[in-house]
Amino acid sequence: MSPRLALAALVGVAMALFGGSAGADQESSFWQWFQKNDAMLFDFERDQEHIFDLLADEMHKIDPALTFEFGPKADGRREFVISADGILSAFPKVERLFAAAPQMAHWTVIKFRPRREPMNVQYGGVSVAADAVLATAEPDKGKAGLVVYLPGFREDKRSAFGTVAFLMLDQALGEYDVETKVGFIEVRPIEKAAPNALPLSKLPEAFDRITSH
């Protein structure tokens, strides 16, 4: 091998080694910071705004899209949810940060916002009660197409109602499934609900039947 080729090979190896470990170093640094500040984070209610700003700054060193949620205290533990805020391109960062998480006495780390009981949503001057919403699911090119029927729907507020529908689907189906398994999403007034429309609480079962095939 010529000296030039040998040098090129060494540079390639170095880039593979050091470039490939950069992300891992970021994730390791985040969890080191998290563990160092365990007590502060566990009792974040004492200074929530400041502590959330600090945590967001640390997560944004990995990816500006990353965000988080905390669960309530239960038996000396909390849930810590790592989210891509619905941005599909940031999903691999969530996966890597989750995979790097150490075992911690006070924390249950969860990747992506999980399914939850849908809550009432207020957004852009629109307020919708979750238990008044209906939806249908149907096959759509290997995914599930969804139609969401909202009470009080107005065409001049379509954008706001669309955001409300998305937020409620995110709660009912979870962040990962909404971004990877949902095809089309349509929003219609409740008065036009299909005969087979389901309450949001029943949508996950119908959704899973379609997407599990």
C-alpha atoms as a PDB file:
ATOM      1  CA  MET A   1       0.000   0.000   0.000  1.00  0.00           C
ATOM      2  CA  SER A   2       1.348   3.463  -0.897  1.00  0.00           C
ATOM      3  CA  PRO A   3       1.879   6.012   1.877  1.00  0.00           C
ATOM      4  CA  ARG A   4      -0.986   8.102   0.471  1.00  0.00           C
ATOM      5  CA  LEU A   5      -3.407   5.157   0.493  1.00  0.00           C
ATOM      6  CA  ALA A   6      -2.262   4.160   3.970  1.00  0.00           C
ATOM      7  CA  LEU A   7      -2.879   7.690   5.230  1.00  0.00           C
ATOM      8  CA  ALA A   8      -6.314   7.727   3.613  1.00  0.00           C
ATOM      9  CA  ALA A   9      -7.168   4.419   5.239  1.00  0.00           C
ATOM     10  CA  LEU A  10      -6.083   5.691   8.663  1.00  0.00           C
ATOM     11  CA  VAL A  11      -8.151   8.847   8.236  1.00  0.00           C
ATOM     12  CA  GLY A  12     -11.147   6.727   7.283  1.00  0.00           C
ATOM     13  CA  VAL A  13     -10.748   4.548  10.358  1.00  0.00           C
ATOM     14  CA  ALA A  14     -10.390   7.612  12.589  1.00  0.00           C
ATOM     15  CA  MET A  15     -13.521   9.190  11.147  1.00  0.00           C
ATOM     16  CA  ALA A  16     -15.460   5.982  11.648  1.00  0.00           C
ATOM     17  CA  LEU A  17     -14.264   5.671  15.215  1.00  0.00           C
ATOM     18  CA  PHE A  18     -14.523   9.244  16.386  1.00  0.00           C
ATOM     19  CA  GLY A  19     -17.370  10.393  14.172  1.00  0.00           C
ATOM     20  CA  GLY A  20     -19.443   7.343  15.064  1.00  0.00           C
ATOM     21  CA  SER A  21     -18.959   7.888  18.768  1.00  0.00           C
ATOM     22  CA  ALA A  22     -19.979  11.554  18.793  1.00  0.00           C
ATOM     23  CA  GLY A  23     -23.651  10.777  19.209  1.00  0.00           C
ATOM     24  CA  ALA A  24     -22.944   8.215  21.899  1.00  0.00           C
ATOM     25  CA  ASP A  25     -20.836  10.795  23.760  1.00  0.00           C
ATOM     26  CA  GLN A  26     -23.744  13.254  23.663  1.00  0.00           C
ATOM     27  CA  GLU A  27     -26.153  10.670  25.012  1.00  0.00           C
ATOM     28  CA  SER A  28     -23.728   9.559  27.718  1.00  0.00           C
ATOM     29  CA  SER A  29     -23.167  13.192  28.720  1.00  0.00           C
ATOM     30  CA  PHE A  30     -26.910  13.772  28.949  1.00  0.00           C
ATOM     31  CA  TRP A  31     -27.468  10.840  31.287  1.00  0.00           C
ATOM     32  CA  GLN A  32     -24.488  11.837  33.404  1.00  0.00           C
ATOM     33  CA  TRP A  33     -26.052  15.292  33.775  1.00  0.00           C
ATOM     34  CA  PHE A  34     -29.451  13.731  34.503  1.00  0.00           C
ATOM     35  CA  GLN A  35     -28.043  11.511  37.256  1.00  0.00           C
ATOM     36  CA  LYS A  36     -26.031  14.375  38.753  1.00  0.00           C
ATOM     37  CA  ASN A  37     -29.261  16.384  38.989  1.00  0.00           C
ATOM     38  CA  ASP A  38     -31.498  13.477  39.977  1.00  0.00           C
ATOM     39  CA  ALA A  39     -32.856  15.095  43.155  1.00  0.00           C
ATOM     40  CA  MET A  40     -33.582  18.413  41.429  1.00  0.00           C
ATOM     41  CA  LEU A  41     -35.412  16.721  38.562  1.00  0.00           C
ATOM     42  CA  PHE A  42     -37.374  14.388  40.818  1.00  0.00           C
ATOM     43  CA  ASP A  43     -38.735  17.382  42.759  1.00  0.00           C
ATOM     44  CA  PHE A  44     -39.029  19.692  39.750  1.00  0.00           C
ATOM     45  CA  GLU A  45     -42.215  21.305  41.130  1.00  0.00           C
ATOM     46  CA  ARG A  46     -40.039  23.385  43.487  1.00  0.00           C
ATOM     47  CA  ASP A  47     -38.822  25.503  40.561  1.00  0.00           C
ATOM     48  CA  GLN A  48     -40.514  24.025  37.512  1.00  0.00           C
ATOM     49  CA  GLU A  49     -39.875  26.693  34.898  1.00  0.00           C
ATOM     50  CA  HIS A  50     -36.160  26.969  35.645  1.00  0.00           C
ATOM     51  CA  ILE A  51     -35.626  23.209  35.904  1.00  0.00           C
ATOM     52  CA  PHE A  52     -37.530  22.515  32.702  1.00  0.00           C
ATOM     53  CA  ASP A  53     -35.405  25.123  30.905  1.00  0.00           C
ATOM     54  CA  LEU A  54     -32.224  23.431  32.127  1.00  0.00           C
ATOM     55  CA  LEU A  55     -33.450  20.003  31.040  1.00  0.00           C
ATOM     56  CA  ALA A  56     -34.578  21.269  27.644  1.00  0.00           C
ATOM     57  CA  ASP A  57     -31.168  22.853  27.070  1.00  0.00           C
ATOM     58  CA  GLU A  58     -29.459  19.517  27.754  1.00  0.00           C
ATOM     59  CA  MET A  59     -31.805  17.615  25.433  1.00  0.00           C
ATOM     60  CA  HIS A  60     -31.399  20.178  22.672  1.00  0.00           C
ATOM     61  CA  LYS A  61     -27.661  19.522  22.639  1.00  0.00           C
ATOM     62  CA  ILE A  62     -28.634  16.162  21.128  1.00  0.00           C
ATOM     63  CA  ASP A  63     -31.446  17.421  18.873  1.00  0.00           C
ATOM     64  CA  PRO A  64     -33.514  20.635  19.021  1.00  0.00           C
ATOM     65  CA  ALA A  65     -36.662  18.589  18.391  1.00  0.00           C
ATOM     66  CA  LEU A  66     -36.342  16.515  21.545  1.00  0.00           C
ATOM     67  CA  THR A  67     -38.717  17.217  24.389  1.00  0.00           C
ATOM     68  CA  PHE A  68     -39.939  15.438  27.505  1.00  0.00           C
ATOM     69  CA  GLU A  69     -42.764  14.681  29.906  1.00  0.00           C
ATOM     70  CA  PHE A  70     -42.767  13.719  33.566  1.00  0.00           C
ATOM     71  CA  GLY A  71     -45.226  11.421  35.248  1.00  0.00           C
ATOM     72  CA  PRO A  72     -46.468  11.898  38.817  1.00  0.00           C
ATOM     73  CA  LYS A  73     -44.591  10.436  41.757  1.00  0.00           C
ATOM     74  CA  ALA A  74     -45.654   6.866  42.542  1.00  0.00           C
ATOM     75  CA  ASP A  75     -43.921   4.603  45.050  1.00  0.00           C
ATOM     76  CA  GLY A  76     -40.776   6.715  44.966  1.00  0.00           C
ATOM     77  CA  ARG A  77     -40.501   6.751  41.180  1.00  0.00           C
ATOM     78  CA  ARG A  78     -41.481   8.910  38.231  1.00  0.00           C
ATOM     79  CA  GLU A  79     -41.863   8.260  34.531  1.00  0.00           C
ATOM     80  CA  PHE A  80     -39.552  10.274  32.285  1.00  0.00           C
ATOM     81  CA  VAL A  81     -40.804  10.323  28.693  1.00  0.00           C
ATOM     82  CA  ILE A  82     -38.399  11.135  25.861  1.00  0.00           C
ATOM     83  CA  SER A  83     -40.301  12.555  22.890  1.00  0.00           C
ATOM     84  CA  ALA A  84     -39.485  13.772  19.392  1.00  0.00           C
ATOM     85  CA  ASP A  85     -42.521  16.065  19.624  1.00  0.00           C
ATOM     86  CA  GLY A  86     -44.019  14.221  16.667  1.00  0.00           C
ATOM     87  CA  ILE A  87     -41.087  15.035  14.353  1.00  0.00           C
ATOM     88  CA  LEU A  88     -40.309  11.816  12.510  1.00  0.00           C
ATOM     89  CA  SER A  89     -36.735  12.790  11.572  1.00  0.00           C
ATOM     90  CA  ALA A  90     -35.862  12.981  15.283  1.00  0.00           C
ATOM     91  CA  PHE A  91     -37.181   9.490  16.084  1.00  0.00           C
ATOM     92  CA  PRO A  92     -33.715   7.855  15.774  1.00  0.00           C
ATOM     93  CA  LYS A  93     -32.382  10.316  18.370  1.00  0.00           C
ATOM     94  CA  VAL A  94     -35.136   9.265  20.770  1.00  0.00           C
ATOM     95  CA  GLU A  95     -34.279   5.616  20.191  1.00  0.00           C
ATOM     96  CA  ARG A  96     -30.571   6.190  20.835  1.00  0.00           C
ATOM     97  CA  LEU A  97     -31.095   8.309  23.928  1.00  0.00           C
ATOM     98  CA  PHE A  98     -33.491   5.718  25.320  1.00  0.00           C
ATOM     99  CA  ALA A  99     -31.073   2.880  24.565  1.00  0.00           C
ATOM    100  CA  ALA A 100     -28.304   4.711  26.433  1.00  0.00           C
ATOM    101  CA  ALA A 101     -30.400   5.269  29.564  1.00  0.00           C
ATOM    102  CA  PRO A 102     -28.895   3.737  32.703  1.00  0.00           C
ATOM    103  CA  GLN A 103     -30.876   1.924  35.371  1.00  0.00           C
ATOM    104  CA  MET A 104     -31.983   4.539  37.912  1.00  0.00           C
ATOM    105  CA  ALA A 105     -33.659   4.051  41.266  1.00  0.00           C
ATOM    106  CA  HIS A 106     -36.200   6.846  40.876  1.00  0.00           C
ATOM    107  CA  TRP A 107     -36.982   6.752  37.172  1.00  0.00           C
ATOM    108  CA  THR A 108     -38.817   4.719  34.558  1.00  0.00           C
ATOM    109  CA  VAL A 109     -37.621   5.953  31.155  1.00  0.00           C
ATOM    110  CA  ILE A 110     -40.124   5.698  28.298  1.00  0.00           C
ATOM    111  CA  LYS A 111     -39.469   6.386  24.622  1.00  0.00           C
ATOM    112  CA  PHE A 112     -42.128   8.400  22.786  1.00  0.00           C
ATOM    113  CA  ARG A 113     -45.324   9.746  24.307  1.00  0.00           C
ATOM    114  CA  PRO A 114     -47.372   6.653  25.223  1.00  0.00           C
ATOM    115  CA  ARG A 115     -51.074   6.042  24.764  1.00  0.00           C
ATOM    116  CA  ARG A 116     -53.213   7.764  27.351  1.00  0.00           C
ATOM    117  CA  GLU A 117     -56.851   8.422  28.036  1.00  0.00           C
ATOM    118  CA  PRO A 118     -57.659  11.387  25.749  1.00  0.00           C
ATOM    119  CA  MET A 119     -58.198  14.659  27.573  1.00  0.00           C
ATOM    120  CA  ASN A 120     -60.183  17.753  26.673  1.00  0.00           C
ATOM    121  CA  VAL A 121     -58.200  20.092  24.424  1.00  0.00           C
ATOM    122  CA  GLN A 122     -58.218  23.851  24.042  1.00  0.00           C
ATOM    123  CA  TYR A 123     -56.286  25.341  21.141  1.00  0.00           C
ATOM    124  CA  GLY A 124     -56.547  28.427  18.960  1.00  0.00           C
ATOM    125  CA  GLY A 125     -59.852  29.550  20.426  1.00  0.00           C
ATOM    126  CA  VAL A 126     -61.322  26.050  20.048  1.00  0.00           C
ATOM    127  CA  SER A 127     -62.357  23.853  22.977  1.00  0.00           C
ATOM    128  CA  VAL A 128     -63.311  20.200  22.451  1.00  0.00           C
ATOM    129  CA  ALA A 129     -64.371  17.600  25.030  1.00  0.00           C
ATOM    130  CA  ALA A 130     -62.639  14.277  24.403  1.00  0.00           C
ATOM    131  CA  ASP A 131     -65.669  12.160  25.288  1.00  0.00           C
ATOM    132  CA  ALA A 132     -67.697  13.932  22.587  1.00  0.00           C
ATOM    133  CA  VAL A 133     -65.284  13.024  19.767  1.00  0.00           C
ATOM    134  CA  LEU A 134     -65.855  10.103  17.388  1.00  0.00           C
ATOM    135  CA  ALA A 135     -63.484   8.529  14.872  1.00  0.00           C
ATOM    136  CA  THR A 136     -63.223   5.786  12.256  1.00  0.00           C
ATOM    137  CA  ALA A 137     -60.224   3.813  11.045  1.00  0.00           C
ATOM    138  CA  GLU A 138     -59.814   2.102   7.692  1.00  0.00           C
ATOM    139  CA  PRO A 139     -56.951   0.500   5.745  1.00  0.00           C
ATOM    140  CA  ASP A 140     -54.822   2.976   3.805  1.00  0.00           C
ATOM    141  CA  LYS A 141     -51.881   1.488   1.872  1.00  0.00           C
ATOM    142  CA  GLY A 142     -50.575  -0.598   4.727  1.00  0.00           C
ATOM    143  CA  LYS A 143     -51.442   2.002   7.347  1.00  0.00           C
ATOM    144  CA  ALA A 144     -54.651   3.196   8.997  1.00  0.00           C
ATOM    145  CA  GLY A 145     -56.554   6.152   7.595  1.00  0.00           C
ATOM    146  CA  LEU A 146     -58.461   8.082  10.234  1.00  0.00           C
ATOM    147  CA  VAL A 147     -61.497  10.330  10.147  1.00  0.00           C
ATOM    148  CA  VAL A 148     -62.080  12.374  13.287  1.00  0.00           C
ATOM    149  CA  TYR A 149     -65.517  13.866  13.948  1.00  0.00           C
ATOM    150  CA  LEU A 150     -65.449  16.930  16.184  1.00  0.00           C
ATOM    151  CA  PRO A 151     -68.341  18.770  17.852  1.00  0.00           C
ATOM    152  CA  GLY A 152     -68.580  22.459  16.992  1.00  0.00           C
ATOM    153  CA  PHE A 153     -66.423  22.081  13.876  1.00  0.00           C
ATOM    154  CA  ARG A 154     -66.243  25.249  11.766  1.00  0.00           C
ATOM    155  CA  GLU A 155     -64.653  25.547   8.353  1.00  0.00           C
ATOM    156  CA  ASP A 156     -63.140  28.937   9.160  1.00  0.00           C
ATOM    157  CA  LYS A 157     -61.372  27.289  12.120  1.00  0.00           C
ATOM    158  CA  ARG A 158     -60.251  24.198  10.225  1.00  0.00           C
ATOM    159  CA  SER A 159     -56.593  24.633  11.130  1.00  0.00           C
ATOM    160  CA  ALA A 160     -57.322  24.885  14.870  1.00  0.00           C
ATOM    161  CA  PHE A 161     -59.719  21.942  14.775  1.00  0.00           C
ATOM    162  CA  GLY A 162     -57.115  19.948  12.829  1.00  0.00           C
ATOM    163  CA  THR A 163     -54.557  20.573  15.557  1.00  0.00           C
ATOM    164  CA  VAL A 164     -57.080  19.542  18.225  1.00  0.00           C
ATOM    165  CA  ALA A 165     -57.772  16.317  16.339  1.00  0.00           C
ATOM    166  CA  PHE A 166     -54.047  15.571  16.027  1.00  0.00           C
ATOM    167  CA  LEU A 167     -53.441  16.188  19.741  1.00  0.00           C
ATOM    168  CA  MET A 168     -56.272  13.862  20.675  1.00  0.00           C
ATOM    169  CA  LEU A 169     -55.019  11.147  18.318  1.00  0.00           C
ATOM    170  CA  ASP A 170     -51.551  11.539  19.808  1.00  0.00           C
ATOM    171  CA  GLN A 171     -53.057  10.846  23.237  1.00  0.00           C
ATOM    172  CA  ALA A 172     -55.252   7.948  22.122  1.00  0.00           C
ATOM    173  CA  LEU A 173     -52.697   6.154  19.906  1.00  0.00           C
ATOM    174  CA  GLY A 174     -49.331   7.369  21.164  1.00  0.00           C
ATOM    175  CA  GLU A 175     -46.672   9.395  19.391  1.00  0.00           C
ATOM    176  CA  TYR A 176     -44.914   6.498  17.645  1.00  0.00           C
ATOM    177  CA  ASP A 177     -48.026   4.977  16.078  1.00  0.00           C
ATOM    178  CA  VAL A 178     -49.430   8.317  14.932  1.00  0.00           C
ATOM    179  CA  GLU A 179     -46.227   9.156  13.079  1.00  0.00           C
ATOM    180  CA  THR A 180     -45.440   5.704  11.643  1.00  0.00           C
ATOM    181  CA  LYS A 181     -48.734   3.869  11.194  1.00  0.00           C
ATOM    182  CA  VAL A 182     -51.289   6.546  10.287  1.00  0.00           C
ATOM    183  CA  GLY A 183     -52.084   7.271   6.668  1.00  0.00           C
ATOM    184  CA  PHE A 184     -54.589  10.012   5.912  1.00  0.00           C
ATOM    185  CA  ILE A 185     -56.278  12.068   8.632  1.00  0.00           C
ATOM    186  CA  GLU A 186     -59.532  13.877   7.898  1.00  0.00           C
ATOM    187  CA  VAL A 187     -61.491  16.138  10.225  1.00  0.00           C
ATOM    188  CA  ARG A 188     -65.259  16.462   9.857  1.00  0.00           C
ATOM    189  CA  PRO A 189     -68.163  17.860  11.900  1.00  0.00           C
ATOM    190  CA  ILE A 190     -69.758  15.497  14.399  1.00  0.00           C
ATOM    191  CA  GLU A 191     -73.063  15.825  12.531  1.00  0.00           C
ATOM    192  CA  LYS A 192     -71.519  13.885   9.634  1.00  0.00           C
ATOM    193  CA  ALA A 193     -70.250  11.003  11.762  1.00  0.00           C
ATOM    194  CA  ALA A 194     -70.350   7.623  10.010  1.00  0.00           C
ATOM    195  CA  PRO A 195     -72.615   4.936  11.504  1.00  0.00           C
ATOM    196  CA  ASN A 196     -69.521   2.900  12.491  1.00  0.00           C
ATOM    197  CA  ALA A 197     -67.762   5.819  14.196  1.00  0.00           C
ATOM    198  CA  LEU A 198     -66.260   4.977  17.593  1.00  0.00           C
ATOM    199  CA  PRO A 199     -65.477   6.963  20.744  1.00  0.00           C
ATOM    200  CA  LEU A 200     -61.782   7.800  21.012  1.00  0.00           C
ATOM    201  CA  SER A 201     -61.452   5.297  23.873  1.00  0.00           C
ATOM    202  CA  LYS A 202     -62.382   2.511  21.433  1.00  0.00           C
ATOM    203  CA  LEU A 203     -60.236   3.714  18.526  1.00  0.00           C
ATOM    204  CA  PRO A 204     -56.957   1.996  19.574  1.00  0.00           C
ATOM    205  CA  GLU A 205     -58.506  -1.472  19.310  1.00  0.00           C
ATOM    206  CA  ALA A 206     -59.795  -0.815  15.785  1.00  0.00           C
ATOM    207  CA  PHE A 207     -56.516   0.855  14.833  1.00  0.00           C
ATOM    208  CA  ASP A 208     -54.440  -2.104  16.050  1.00  0.00           C
ATOM    209  CA  ARG A 209     -56.550  -4.585  14.088  1.00  0.00           C
ATOM    210  CA  ILE A 210     -55.710  -2.717  10.877  1.00  0.00           C
ATOM    211  CA  THR A 211     -52.042  -1.976  11.501  1.00  0.00           C
ATOM    212  CA  SER A 212     -51.075  -5.365  12.940  1.00  0.00           C
ATOM    213  CA  HIS A 213     -51.621  -7.124   9.609  1.00  0.00           C
END
